[in-house]
Amino acid sequence: FDENVMVEFNIDTNGDAIEDLVIQCTFKDGMVTAYGPVAPIATGTSST
């Protein structure tokens, strides 16, 4: 896995096509870490 790439599962719970929750997966030194489900810091074309 590319350590500069984050995989993000986006979940819209109210039907407005905007993510209300995200699960973010990062990769570092042979480990994977998942954060969430949690409200995103940013929505749309950017992700934090």
PDB file of all heavy atoms in Angstrom:
ATOM      1  N   PHE A   1       0.839  -1.185   0.000  1.00  0.00           N
ATOM      2  CA  PHE A   1       0.000   0.000   0.000  1.00  0.00           C
ATOM      3  C   PHE A   1       0.881   1.243   0.000  1.00  0.00           C
ATOM      4  O   PHE A   1       1.936   1.273   0.639  1.00  0.00           O
ATOM      5  CB  PHE A   1      -0.914   0.009   1.227  1.00  0.00           C
ATOM      6  CG  PHE A   1      -1.995  -1.031   1.190  1.00  0.00           C
ATOM      7  CD1 PHE A   1      -1.842  -2.234   1.850  1.00  0.00           C
ATOM      8  CD2 PHE A   1      -3.175  -0.806   0.489  1.00  0.00           C
ATOM      9  CE1 PHE A   1      -2.838  -3.196   1.828  1.00  0.00           C
ATOM     10  CE2 PHE A   1      -4.177  -1.763   0.450  1.00  0.00           C
ATOM     11  CZ  PHE A   1      -4.017  -2.961   1.118  1.00  0.00           C
ATOM     12  N   ASP A   2       0.434   2.248  -0.699  1.00  0.00           N
ATOM     13  CA  ASP A   2       1.169   3.515  -0.783  1.00  0.00           C
ATOM     14  C   ASP A   2       0.940   4.308   0.504  1.00  0.00           C
ATOM     15  O   ASP A   2      -0.199   4.608   0.869  1.00  0.00           O
ATOM     16  CB  ASP A   2       0.663   4.300  -1.989  1.00  0.00           C
ATOM     17  CG  ASP A   2       1.533   5.496  -2.320  1.00  0.00           C
ATOM     18  OD1 ASP A   2       2.154   6.067  -1.399  1.00  0.00           O
ATOM     19  OD2 ASP A   2       1.570   5.875  -3.505  1.00  0.00           O
ATOM     20  N   GLU A   3       2.012   4.657   1.201  1.00  0.00           N
ATOM     21  CA  GLU A   3       1.876   5.391   2.457  1.00  0.00           C
ATOM     22  C   GLU A   3       1.409   6.822   2.244  1.00  0.00           C
ATOM     23  O   GLU A   3       1.032   7.494   3.208  1.00  0.00           O
ATOM     24  CB  GLU A   3       3.204   5.372   3.219  1.00  0.00           C
ATOM     25  CG  GLU A   3       3.600   3.971   3.683  1.00  0.00           C
ATOM     26  CD  GLU A   3       4.798   3.972   4.617  1.00  0.00           C
ATOM     27  OE1 GLU A   3       5.331   5.060   4.914  1.00  0.00           O
ATOM     28  OE2 GLU A   3       5.196   2.871   5.064  1.00  0.00           O
ATOM     29  N   ASN A   4       1.410   7.287   1.000  1.00  0.00           N
ATOM     30  CA  ASN A   4       0.902   8.626   0.693  1.00  0.00           C
ATOM     31  C   ASN A   4      -0.550   8.610   0.241  1.00  0.00           C
ATOM     32  O   ASN A   4      -1.092   9.652  -0.161  1.00  0.00           O
ATOM     33  CB  ASN A   4       1.759   9.289  -0.385  1.00  0.00           C
ATOM     34  CG  ASN A   4       3.155   9.604   0.105  1.00  0.00           C
ATOM     35  OD1 ASN A   4       3.331  10.133   1.196  1.00  0.00           O
ATOM     36  ND2 ASN A   4       4.151   9.257  -0.703  1.00  0.00           N
ATOM     37  N   VAL A   5      -1.186   7.441   0.300  1.00  0.00           N
ATOM     38  CA  VAL A   5      -2.576   7.298  -0.113  1.00  0.00           C
ATOM     39  C   VAL A   5      -3.427   6.887   1.083  1.00  0.00           C
ATOM     40  O   VAL A   5      -3.079   5.948   1.806  1.00  0.00           O
ATOM     41  CB  VAL A   5      -2.721   6.262  -1.250  1.00  0.00           C
ATOM     42  CG1 VAL A   5      -4.194   5.959  -1.524  1.00  0.00           C
ATOM     43  CG2 VAL A   5      -2.039   6.762  -2.511  1.00  0.00           C
ATOM     44  N   MET A   6      -4.521   7.597   1.300  1.00  0.00           N
ATOM     45  CA  MET A   6      -5.491   7.249   2.334  1.00  0.00           C
ATOM     46  C   MET A   6      -6.764   6.734   1.660  1.00  0.00           C
ATOM     47  O   MET A   6      -7.274   7.353   0.727  1.00  0.00           O
ATOM     48  CB  MET A   6      -5.838   8.476   3.184  1.00  0.00           C
ATOM     49  CG  MET A   6      -6.912   8.205   4.231  1.00  0.00           C
ATOM     50  SD  MET A   6      -7.234   9.654   5.280  1.00  0.00           S
ATOM     51  CE  MET A   6      -8.091  10.737   4.140  1.00  0.00           C
ATOM     52  N   VAL A   7      -7.252   5.590   2.109  1.00  0.00           N
ATOM     53  CA  VAL A   7      -8.511   5.052   1.626  1.00  0.00           C
ATOM     54  C   VAL A   7      -9.618   5.524   2.562  1.00  0.00           C
ATOM     55  O   VAL A   7      -9.517   5.353   3.783  1.00  0.00           O
ATOM     56  CB  VAL A   7      -8.475   3.514   1.559  1.00  0.00           C
ATOM     57  CG1 VAL A   7      -9.850   2.952   1.221  1.00  0.00           C
ATOM     58  CG2 VAL A   7      -7.452   3.052   0.528  1.00  0.00           C
ATOM     59  N   GLU A   8     -10.653   6.115   1.989  1.00  0.00           N
ATOM     60  CA  GLU A   8     -11.729   6.685   2.804  1.00  0.00           C
ATOM     61  C   GLU A   8     -13.077   6.120   2.376  1.00  0.00           C
ATOM     62  O   GLU A   8     -13.490   6.274   1.228  1.00  0.00           O
ATOM     63  CB  GLU A   8     -11.725   8.205   2.681  1.00  0.00           C
ATOM     64  CG  GLU A   8     -12.779   8.903   3.530  1.00  0.00           C
ATOM     65  CD  GLU A   8     -12.670  10.408   3.432  1.00  0.00           C
ATOM     66  OE1 GLU A   8     -13.147  10.983   2.417  1.00  0.00           O
ATOM     67  OE2 GLU A   8     -12.080  11.013   4.342  1.00  0.00           O
ATOM     68  N   PHE A   9     -13.761   5.470   3.321  1.00  0.00           N
ATOM     69  CA  PHE A   9     -15.132   5.021   3.115  1.00  0.00           C
ATOM     70  C   PHE A   9     -16.057   6.161   3.553  1.00  0.00           C
ATOM     71  O   PHE A   9     -15.998   6.597   4.703  1.00  0.00           O
ATOM     72  CB  PHE A   9     -15.420   3.761   3.928  1.00  0.00           C
ATOM     73  CG  PHE A   9     -14.544   2.595   3.563  1.00  0.00           C
ATOM     74  CD1 PHE A   9     -13.401   2.309   4.300  1.00  0.00           C
ATOM     75  CD2 PHE A   9     -14.854   1.775   2.488  1.00  0.00           C
ATOM     76  CE1 PHE A   9     -12.586   1.227   3.975  1.00  0.00           C
ATOM     77  CE2 PHE A   9     -14.048   0.697   2.144  1.00  0.00           C
ATOM     78  CZ  PHE A   9     -12.910   0.422   2.896  1.00  0.00           C
ATOM     79  N   ASN A  10     -16.892   6.629   2.638  1.00  0.00           N
ATOM     80  CA  ASN A  10     -17.791   7.748   2.901  1.00  0.00           C
ATOM     81  C   ASN A  10     -19.220   7.248   3.084  1.00  0.00           C
ATOM     82  O   ASN A  10     -19.686   6.413   2.301  1.00  0.00           O
ATOM     83  CB  ASN A  10     -17.736   8.746   1.744  1.00  0.00           C
ATOM     84  CG  ASN A  10     -16.350   9.306   1.527  1.00  0.00           C
ATOM     85  OD1 ASN A  10     -15.990  10.325   2.091  1.00  0.00           O
ATOM     86  ND2 ASN A  10     -15.552   8.625   0.698  1.00  0.00           N
ATOM     87  N   ILE A  11     -19.903   7.782   4.085  1.00  0.00           N
ATOM     88  CA  ILE A  11     -21.246   7.309   4.417  1.00  0.00           C
ATOM     89  C   ILE A  11     -22.171   8.508   4.563  1.00  0.00           C
ATOM     90  O   ILE A  11     -21.960   9.372   5.415  1.00  0.00           O
ATOM     91  CB  ILE A  11     -21.239   6.489   5.723  1.00  0.00           C
ATOM     92  CG1 ILE A  11     -20.253   5.314   5.609  1.00  0.00           C
ATOM     93  CG2 ILE A  11     -22.637   5.981   6.046  1.00  0.00           C
ATOM     94  CD1 ILE A  11     -19.893   4.679   6.936  1.00  0.00           C
ATOM     95  N   ASP A  12     -23.190   8.553   3.709  1.00  0.00           N
ATOM     96  CA  ASP A  12     -24.225   9.591   3.766  1.00  0.00           C
ATOM     97  C   ASP A  12     -25.458   8.975   4.415  1.00  0.00           C
ATOM     98  O   ASP A  12     -26.051   8.047   3.865  1.00  0.00           O
ATOM     99  CB  ASP A  12     -24.524  10.081   2.347  1.00  0.00           C
ATOM    100  CG  ASP A  12     -25.827  10.851   2.246  1.00  0.00           C
ATOM    101  OD1 ASP A  12     -26.233  11.477   3.243  1.00  0.00           O
ATOM    102  OD2 ASP A  12     -26.447  10.814   1.164  1.00  0.00           O
ATOM    103  N   THR A  13     -25.852   9.493   5.570  1.00  0.00           N
ATOM    104  CA  THR A  13     -26.959   8.893   6.324  1.00  0.00           C
ATOM    105  C   THR A  13     -28.294   9.605   6.145  1.00  0.00           C
ATOM    106  O   THR A  13     -29.319   9.109   6.608  1.00  0.00           O
ATOM    107  CB  THR A  13     -26.622   8.866   7.830  1.00  0.00           C
ATOM    108  OG1 THR A  13     -26.413  10.212   8.286  1.00  0.00           O
ATOM    109  CG2 THR A  13     -25.389   8.027   8.098  1.00  0.00           C
ATOM    110  N   ASN A  14     -28.307  10.770   5.465  1.00  0.00           N
ATOM    111  CA  ASN A  14     -29.568  11.515   5.352  1.00  0.00           C
ATOM    112  C   ASN A  14     -29.987  11.805   3.918  1.00  0.00           C
ATOM    113  O   ASN A  14     -30.917  12.575   3.673  1.00  0.00           O
ATOM    114  CB  ASN A  14     -29.495  12.830   6.144  1.00  0.00           C
ATOM    115  CG  ASN A  14     -28.358  13.736   5.669  1.00  0.00           C
ATOM    116  OD1 ASN A  14     -27.802  13.525   4.590  1.00  0.00           O
ATOM    117  ND2 ASN A  14     -28.023  14.722   6.472  1.00  0.00           N
ATOM    118  N   GLY A  15     -29.301  11.203   2.946  1.00  0.00           N
ATOM    119  CA  GLY A  15     -29.739  11.287   1.564  1.00  0.00           C
ATOM    120  C   GLY A  15     -29.404  12.555   0.829  1.00  0.00           C
ATOM    121  O   GLY A  15     -29.944  12.793  -0.265  1.00  0.00           O
ATOM    122  N   ASP A  16     -28.472  13.364   1.352  1.00  0.00           N
ATOM    123  CA  ASP A  16     -28.120  14.608   0.661  1.00  0.00           C
ATOM    124  C   ASP A  16     -26.860  14.486  -0.181  1.00  0.00           C
ATOM    125  O   ASP A  16     -26.356  15.481  -0.708  1.00  0.00           O
ATOM    126  CB  ASP A  16     -27.989  15.764   1.648  1.00  0.00           C
ATOM    127  CG  ASP A  16     -26.852  15.560   2.660  1.00  0.00           C
ATOM    128  OD1 ASP A  16     -26.185  14.497   2.603  1.00  0.00           O
ATOM    129  OD2 ASP A  16     -26.650  16.449   3.500  1.00  0.00           O
ATOM    130  N   ALA A  17     -26.330  13.272  -0.310  1.00  0.00           N
ATOM    131  CA  ALA A  17     -25.137  12.996  -1.129  1.00  0.00           C
ATOM    132  C   ALA A  17     -23.890  13.693  -0.600  1.00  0.00           C
ATOM    133  O   ALA A  17     -22.952  13.954  -1.349  1.00  0.00           O
ATOM    134  CB  ALA A  17     -25.380  13.358  -2.588  1.00  0.00           C
ATOM    135  N   ILE A  18     -23.873  14.007   0.688  1.00  0.00           N
ATOM    136  CA  ILE A  18     -22.702  14.558   1.360  1.00  0.00           C
ATOM    137  C   ILE A  18     -22.347  13.631   2.509  1.00  0.00           C
ATOM    138  O   ILE A  18     -23.227  13.212   3.278  1.00  0.00           O
ATOM    139  CB  ILE A  18     -22.972  15.977   1.900  1.00  0.00           C
ATOM    140  CG1 ILE A  18     -23.302  16.931   0.747  1.00  0.00           C
ATOM    141  CG2 ILE A  18     -21.773  16.507   2.686  1.00  0.00           C
ATOM    142  CD1 ILE A  18     -23.744  18.302   1.194  1.00  0.00           C
ATOM    143  N   GLU A  19     -21.080  13.299   2.651  1.00  0.00           N
ATOM    144  CA  GLU A  19     -20.683  12.345   3.674  1.00  0.00           C
ATOM    145  C   GLU A  19     -20.928  12.892   5.086  1.00  0.00           C
ATOM    146  O   GLU A  19     -20.489  13.988   5.419  1.00  0.00           O
ATOM    147  CB  GLU A  19     -19.221  11.928   3.505  1.00  0.00           C
ATOM    148  CG  GLU A  19     -18.206  13.040   3.523  1.00  0.00           C
ATOM    149  CD  GLU A  19     -17.870  13.592   2.163  1.00  0.00           C
ATOM    150  OE1 GLU A  19     -18.803  13.760   1.341  1.00  0.00           O
ATOM    151  OE2 GLU A  19     -16.689  13.877   1.917  1.00  0.00           O
ATOM    152  N   ASP A  20     -21.670  12.129   5.880  1.00  0.00           N
ATOM    153  CA  ASP A  20     -21.903  12.460   7.287  1.00  0.00           C
ATOM    154  C   ASP A  20     -20.908  11.755   8.197  1.00  0.00           C
ATOM    155  O   ASP A  20     -20.610  12.237   9.291  1.00  0.00           O
ATOM    156  CB  ASP A  20     -23.330  12.072   7.695  1.00  0.00           C
ATOM    157  CG  ASP A  20     -24.372  12.801   6.872  1.00  0.00           C
ATOM    158  OD1 ASP A  20     -24.489  14.029   7.017  1.00  0.00           O
ATOM    159  OD2 ASP A  20     -25.060  12.139   6.069  1.00  0.00           O
ATOM    160  N   LEU A  21     -20.425  10.608   7.736  1.00  0.00           N
ATOM    161  CA  LEU A  21     -19.441   9.829   8.472  1.00  0.00           C
ATOM    162  C   LEU A  21     -18.377   9.334   7.504  1.00  0.00           C
ATOM    163  O   LEU A  21     -18.664   9.108   6.316  1.00  0.00           O
ATOM    164  CB  LEU A  21     -20.103   8.618   9.153  1.00  0.00           C
ATOM    165  CG  LEU A  21     -21.173   8.891  10.208  1.00  0.00           C
ATOM    166  CD1 LEU A  21     -21.898   7.601  10.565  1.00  0.00           C
ATOM    167  CD2 LEU A  21     -20.569   9.533  11.446  1.00  0.00           C
ATOM    168  N   VAL A  22     -17.169   9.158   8.005  1.00  0.00           N
ATOM    169  CA  VAL A  22     -16.104   8.570   7.204  1.00  0.00           C
ATOM    170  C   VAL A  22     -15.360   7.533   8.042  1.00  0.00           C
ATOM    171  O   VAL A  22     -15.305   7.621   9.268  1.00  0.00           O
ATOM    172  CB  VAL A  22     -15.098   9.630   6.690  1.00  0.00           C
ATOM    173  CG1 VAL A  22     -15.768  10.555   5.694  1.00  0.00           C
ATOM    174  CG2 VAL A  22     -14.486  10.411   7.840  1.00  0.00           C
ATOM    175  N   ILE A  23     -14.810   6.559   7.338  1.00  0.00           N
ATOM    176  CA  ILE A  23     -13.839   5.630   7.913  1.00  0.00           C
ATOM    177  C   ILE A  23     -12.580   5.803   7.080  1.00  0.00           C
ATOM    178  O   ILE A  23     -12.591   5.572   5.868  1.00  0.00           O
ATOM    179  CB  ILE A  23     -14.326   4.175   7.852  1.00  0.00           C
ATOM    180  CG1 ILE A  23     -15.657   4.017   8.579  1.00  0.00           C
ATOM    181  CG2 ILE A  23     -13.275   3.235   8.450  1.00  0.00           C
ATOM    182  CD1 ILE A  23     -16.318   2.665   8.360  1.00  0.00           C
ATOM    183  N   GLN A  24     -11.508   6.250   7.703  1.00  0.00           N
ATOM    184  CA  GLN A  24     -10.273   6.570   6.991  1.00  0.00           C
ATOM    185  C   GLN A  24      -9.185   5.557   7.330  1.00  0.00           C
ATOM    186  O   GLN A  24      -8.939   5.287   8.508  1.00  0.00           O
ATOM    187  CB  GLN A  24      -9.812   7.981   7.346  1.00  0.00           C
ATOM    188  CG  GLN A  24     -10.810   9.059   6.944  1.00  0.00           C
ATOM    189  CD  GLN A  24     -10.388  10.445   7.386  1.00  0.00           C
ATOM    190  OE1 GLN A  24      -9.715  10.601   8.395  1.00  0.00           O
ATOM    191  NE2 GLN A  24     -10.784  11.457   6.630  1.00  0.00           N
ATOM    192  N   CYS A  25      -8.555   5.001   6.305  1.00  0.00           N
ATOM    193  CA  CYS A  25      -7.524   3.984   6.493  1.00  0.00           C
ATOM    194  C   CYS A  25      -6.186   4.499   5.959  1.00  0.00           C
ATOM    195  O   CYS A  25      -6.084   4.921   4.809  1.00  0.00           O
ATOM    196  CB  CYS A  25      -7.912   2.702   5.761  1.00  0.00           C
ATOM    197  SG  CYS A  25      -9.466   1.981   6.342  1.00  0.00           S
ATOM    198  N   THR A  26      -5.170   4.447   6.816  1.00  0.00           N
ATOM    199  CA  THR A  26      -3.829   4.887   6.442  1.00  0.00           C
ATOM    200  C   THR A  26      -2.850   3.729   6.598  1.00  0.00           C
ATOM    201  O   THR A  26      -3.118   2.751   7.317  1.00  0.00           O
ATOM    202  CB  THR A  26      -3.371   6.069   7.308  1.00  0.00           C
ATOM    203  OG1 THR A  26      -3.329   5.658   8.689  1.00  0.00           O
ATOM    204  CG2 THR A  26      -4.327   7.248   7.156  1.00  0.00           C
ATOM    205  N   PHE A  27      -1.691   3.851   5.945  1.00  0.00           N
ATOM    206  CA  PHE A  27      -0.709   2.778   5.888  1.00  0.00           C
ATOM    207  C   PHE A  27       0.664   3.341   6.243  1.00  0.00           C
ATOM    208  O   PHE A  27       1.092   4.345   5.693  1.00  0.00           O
ATOM    209  CB  PHE A  27      -0.699   2.165   4.488  1.00  0.00           C
ATOM    210  CG  PHE A  27      -2.080   1.872   3.965  1.00  0.00           C
ATOM    211  CD1 PHE A  27      -2.747   2.817   3.176  1.00  0.00           C
ATOM    212  CD2 PHE A  27      -2.731   0.705   4.284  1.00  0.00           C
ATOM    213  CE1 PHE A  27      -4.028   2.582   2.712  1.00  0.00           C
ATOM    214  CE2 PHE A  27      -4.022   0.456   3.824  1.00  0.00           C
ATOM    215  CZ  PHE A  27      -4.663   1.396   3.036  1.00  0.00           C
ATOM    216  N   LYS A  28       1.349   2.662   7.161  1.00  0.00           N
ATOM    217  CA  LYS A  28       2.650   3.151   7.598  1.00  0.00           C
ATOM    218  C   LYS A  28       3.456   2.017   8.200  1.00  0.00           C
ATOM    219  O   LYS A  28       2.989   1.312   9.103  1.00  0.00           O
ATOM    220  CB  LYS A  28       2.472   4.265   8.643  1.00  0.00           C
ATOM    221  CG  LYS A  28       3.750   4.928   9.110  1.00  0.00           C
ATOM    222  CD  LYS A  28       4.371   5.818   8.043  1.00  0.00           C
ATOM    223  CE  LYS A  28       5.545   6.613   8.594  1.00  0.00           C
ATOM    224  NZ  LYS A  28       6.192   7.445   7.552  1.00  0.00           N
ATOM    225  N   ASP A  29       4.688   1.820   7.710  1.00  0.00           N
ATOM    226  CA  ASP A  29       5.622   0.850   8.286  1.00  0.00           C
ATOM    227  C   ASP A  29       5.004  -0.541   8.444  1.00  0.00           C
ATOM    228  O   ASP A  29       5.162  -1.201   9.471  1.00  0.00           O
ATOM    229  CB  ASP A  29       6.124   1.350   9.642  1.00  0.00           C
ATOM    230  CG  ASP A  29       6.895   2.651   9.537  1.00  0.00           C
ATOM    231  OD1 ASP A  29       7.513   2.890   8.489  1.00  0.00           O
ATOM    232  OD2 ASP A  29       6.857   3.442  10.502  1.00  0.00           O
ATOM    233  N   GLY A  30       4.306  -0.990   7.419  1.00  0.00           N
ATOM    234  CA  GLY A  30       3.738  -2.335   7.436  1.00  0.00           C
ATOM    235  C   GLY A  30       2.486  -2.479   8.265  1.00  0.00           C
ATOM    236  O   GLY A  30       2.021  -3.599   8.495  1.00  0.00           O
ATOM    237  N   MET A  31       1.907  -1.367   8.702  1.00  0.00           N
ATOM    238  CA  MET A  31       0.685  -1.382   9.510  1.00  0.00           C
ATOM    239  C   MET A  31      -0.416  -0.613   8.786  1.00  0.00           C
ATOM    240  O   MET A  31      -0.153   0.317   8.026  1.00  0.00           O
ATOM    241  CB  MET A  31       0.925  -0.732  10.876  1.00  0.00           C
ATOM    242  CG  MET A  31       1.982  -1.380  11.724  1.00  0.00           C
ATOM    243  SD  MET A  31       1.402  -2.922  12.499  1.00  0.00           S
ATOM    244  CE  MET A  31       0.183  -2.284  13.641  1.00  0.00           C
ATOM    245  N   VAL A  32      -1.655  -1.020   9.034  1.00  0.00           N
ATOM    246  CA  VAL A  32      -2.816  -0.277   8.569  1.00  0.00           C
ATOM    247  C   VAL A  32      -3.587   0.196   9.794  1.00  0.00           C
ATOM    248  O   VAL A  32      -3.708  -0.529  10.785  1.00  0.00           O
ATOM    249  CB  VAL A  32      -3.724  -1.134   7.660  1.00  0.00           C
ATOM    250  CG1 VAL A  32      -4.162  -2.419   8.356  1.00  0.00           C
ATOM    251  CG2 VAL A  32      -4.948  -0.341   7.203  1.00  0.00           C
ATOM    252  N   THR A  33      -4.082   1.420   9.751  1.00  0.00           N
ATOM    253  CA  THR A  33      -4.877   1.971  10.841  1.00  0.00           C
ATOM    254  C   THR A  33      -6.167   2.542  10.264  1.00  0.00           C
ATOM    255  O   THR A  33      -6.136   3.244   9.242  1.00  0.00           O
ATOM    256  CB  THR A  33      -4.128   3.084  11.587  1.00  0.00           C
ATOM    257  OG1 THR A  33      -2.922   2.547  12.139  1.00  0.00           O
ATOM    258  CG2 THR A  33      -4.978   3.654  12.724  1.00  0.00           C
ATOM    259  N   ALA A  34      -7.292   2.231  10.904  1.00  0.00           N
ATOM    260  CA  ALA A  34      -8.587   2.769  10.496  1.00  0.00           C
ATOM    261  C   ALA A  34      -9.115   3.678  11.597  1.00  0.00           C
ATOM    262  O   ALA A  34      -9.098   3.313  12.775  1.00  0.00           O
ATOM    263  CB  ALA A  34      -9.574   1.639  10.224  1.00  0.00           C
ATOM    264  N   TYR A  35      -9.578   4.847  11.209  1.00  0.00           N
ATOM    265  CA  TYR A  35     -10.185   5.810  12.124  1.00  0.00           C
ATOM    266  C   TYR A  35     -11.662   5.956  11.771  1.00  0.00           C
ATOM    267  O   TYR A  35     -12.019   6.083  10.610  1.00  0.00           O
ATOM    268  CB  TYR A  35      -9.506   7.171  11.994  1.00  0.00           C
ATOM    269  CG  TYR A  35      -8.016   7.163  12.233  1.00  0.00           C
ATOM    270  CD1 TYR A  35      -7.131   7.010  11.170  1.00  0.00           C
ATOM    271  CD2 TYR A  35      -7.486   7.313  13.509  1.00  0.00           C
ATOM    272  CE1 TYR A  35      -5.755   7.009  11.378  1.00  0.00           C
ATOM    273  CE2 TYR A  35      -6.111   7.320  13.722  1.00  0.00           C
ATOM    274  CZ  TYR A  35      -5.256   7.162  12.649  1.00  0.00           C
ATOM    275  OH  TYR A  35      -3.895   7.172  12.855  1.00  0.00           O
ATOM    276  N   GLY A  36     -12.532   5.978  12.794  1.00  0.00           N
ATOM    277  CA  GLY A  36     -13.951   6.160  12.567  1.00  0.00           C
ATOM    278  C   GLY A  36     -14.734   4.878  12.783  1.00  0.00           C
ATOM    279  O   GLY A  36     -14.176   3.893  13.270  1.00  0.00           O
ATOM    280  N   PRO A  37     -16.051   4.929  12.422  1.00  0.00           N
ATOM    281  CA  PRO A  37     -16.775   5.992  11.738  1.00  0.00           C
ATOM    282  C   PRO A  37     -16.853   7.265  12.586  1.00  0.00           C
ATOM    283  O   PRO A  37     -17.149   7.198  13.775  1.00  0.00           O
ATOM    284  CB  PRO A  37     -18.177   5.400  11.528  1.00  0.00           C
ATOM    285  CG  PRO A  37     -18.024   3.923  11.766  1.00  0.00           C
ATOM    286  CD  PRO A  37     -16.921   3.783  12.735  1.00  0.00           C
ATOM    287  N   VAL A  38     -16.608   8.403  11.928  1.00  0.00           N
ATOM    288  CA  VAL A  38     -16.600   9.676  12.618  1.00  0.00           C
ATOM    289  C   VAL A  38     -16.968  10.763  11.617  1.00  0.00           C
ATOM    290  O   VAL A  38     -16.798  10.581  10.408  1.00  0.00           O
ATOM    291  CB  VAL A  38     -15.199   9.934  13.229  1.00  0.00           C
ATOM    292  CG1 VAL A  38     -14.160  10.104  12.142  1.00  0.00           C
ATOM    293  CG2 VAL A  38     -15.208  11.111  14.176  1.00  0.00           C
ATOM    294  N   ALA A  39     -17.499  11.870  12.109  1.00  0.00           N
ATOM    295  CA  ALA A  39     -17.830  12.985  11.226  1.00  0.00           C
ATOM    296  C   ALA A  39     -16.557  13.517  10.583  1.00  0.00           C
ATOM    297  O   ALA A  39     -15.534  13.675  11.248  1.00  0.00           O
ATOM    298  CB  ALA A  39     -18.533  14.080  12.013  1.00  0.00           C
ATOM    299  N   PRO A  40     -16.584  13.812   9.294  1.00  0.00           N
ATOM    300  CA  PRO A  40     -15.376  14.297   8.609  1.00  0.00           C
ATOM    301  C   PRO A  40     -15.050  15.736   8.985  1.00  0.00           C
ATOM    302  O   PRO A  40     -15.941  16.524   9.319  1.00  0.00           O
ATOM    303  CB  PRO A  40     -15.752  14.191   7.131  1.00  0.00           C
ATOM    304  CG  PRO A  40     -17.244  14.358   7.117  1.00  0.00           C
ATOM    305  CD  PRO A  40     -17.734  13.698   8.372  1.00  0.00           C
ATOM    306  N   ILE A  41     -13.768  16.057   8.898  1.00  0.00           N
ATOM    307  CA  ILE A  41     -13.344  17.441   9.086  1.00  0.00           C
ATOM    308  C   ILE A  41     -13.702  18.266   7.861  1.00  0.00           C
ATOM    309  O   ILE A  41     -14.104  19.431   7.970  1.00  0.00           O
ATOM    310  CB  ILE A  41     -11.832  17.509   9.362  1.00  0.00           C
ATOM    311  CG1 ILE A  41     -11.525  16.824  10.704  1.00  0.00           C
ATOM    312  CG2 ILE A  41     -11.330  18.945   9.364  1.00  0.00           C
ATOM    313  CD1 ILE A  41     -10.047  16.714  11.008  1.00  0.00           C
ATOM    314  N   ALA A  42     -13.553  17.673   6.683  1.00  0.00           N
ATOM    315  CA  ALA A  42     -13.877  18.345   5.424  1.00  0.00           C
ATOM    316  C   ALA A  42     -14.678  17.393   4.551  1.00  0.00           C
ATOM    317  O   ALA A  42     -14.519  16.168   4.633  1.00  0.00           O
ATOM    318  CB  ALA A  42     -12.604  18.780   4.708  1.00  0.00           C
ATOM    319  N   THR A  43     -15.567  17.939   3.718  1.00  0.00           N
ATOM    320  CA  THR A  43     -16.360  17.137   2.796  1.00  0.00           C
ATOM    321  C   THR A  43     -16.077  17.584   1.374  1.00  0.00           C
ATOM    322  O   THR A  43     -15.410  18.581   1.135  1.00  0.00           O
ATOM    323  CB  THR A  43     -17.869  17.288   3.086  1.00  0.00           C
ATOM    324  OG1 THR A  43     -18.249  18.658   2.901  1.00  0.00           O
ATOM    325  CG2 THR A  43     -18.196  16.851   4.508  1.00  0.00           C
ATOM    326  N   GLY A  44     -16.602  16.805   0.427  1.00  0.00           N
ATOM    327  CA  GLY A  44     -16.449  17.190  -0.973  1.00  0.00           C
ATOM    328  C   GLY A  44     -15.139  16.721  -1.565  1.00  0.00           C
ATOM    329  O   GLY A  44     -14.730  15.576  -1.368  1.00  0.00           O
ATOM    330  N   THR A  45     -14.449  17.616  -2.274  1.00  0.00           N
ATOM    331  CA  THR A  45     -13.271  17.215  -3.047  1.00  0.00           C
ATOM    332  C   THR A  45     -11.989  17.144  -2.228  1.00  0.00           C
ATOM    333  O   THR A  45     -10.961  16.707  -2.730  1.00  0.00           O
ATOM    334  CB  THR A  45     -13.044  18.192  -4.215  1.00  0.00           C
ATOM    335  OG1 THR A  45     -12.888  19.517  -3.694  1.00  0.00           O
ATOM    336  CG2 THR A  45     -14.213  18.160  -5.174  1.00  0.00           C
ATOM    337  N   SER A  46     -12.029  17.576  -0.982  1.00  0.00           N
ATOM    338  CA  SER A  46     -10.858  17.502  -0.121  1.00  0.00           C
ATOM    339  C   SER A  46     -11.140  16.624   1.077  1.00  0.00           C
ATOM    340  O   SER A  46     -12.295  16.436   1.478  1.00  0.00           O
ATOM    341  CB  SER A  46     -10.444  18.903   0.361  1.00  0.00           C
ATOM    342  OG  SER A  46     -10.027  19.704  -0.718  1.00  0.00           O
ATOM    343  N   SER A  47     -10.084  16.094   1.679  1.00  0.00           N
ATOM    344  CA  SER A  47     -10.243  15.225   2.827  1.00  0.00           C
ATOM    345  C   SER A  47      -9.097  15.459   3.788  1.00  0.00           C
ATOM    346  O   SER A  47      -7.950  15.609   3.375  1.00  0.00           O
ATOM    347  CB  SER A  47     -10.247  13.761   2.370  1.00  0.00           C
ATOM    348  OG  SER A  47     -11.066  12.977   3.193  1.00  0.00           O
ATOM    349  N   THR A  48      -9.411  15.516   5.078  1.00  0.00           N
ATOM    350  CA  THR A  48      -8.413  15.720   6.122  1.00  0.00           C
ATOM    351  C   THR A  48      -8.459  14.554   7.086  1.00  0.00           C
ATOM    352  O   THR A  48      -9.545  14.111   7.486  1.00  0.00           O
ATOM    353  CB  THR A  48      -8.680  17.039   6.881  1.00  0.00           C
ATOM    354  OG1 THR A  48      -8.672  18.118   5.949  1.00  0.00           O
ATOM    355  CG2 THR A  48      -7.624  17.275   7.949  1.00  0.00           C
TER     356      THR A  48
END
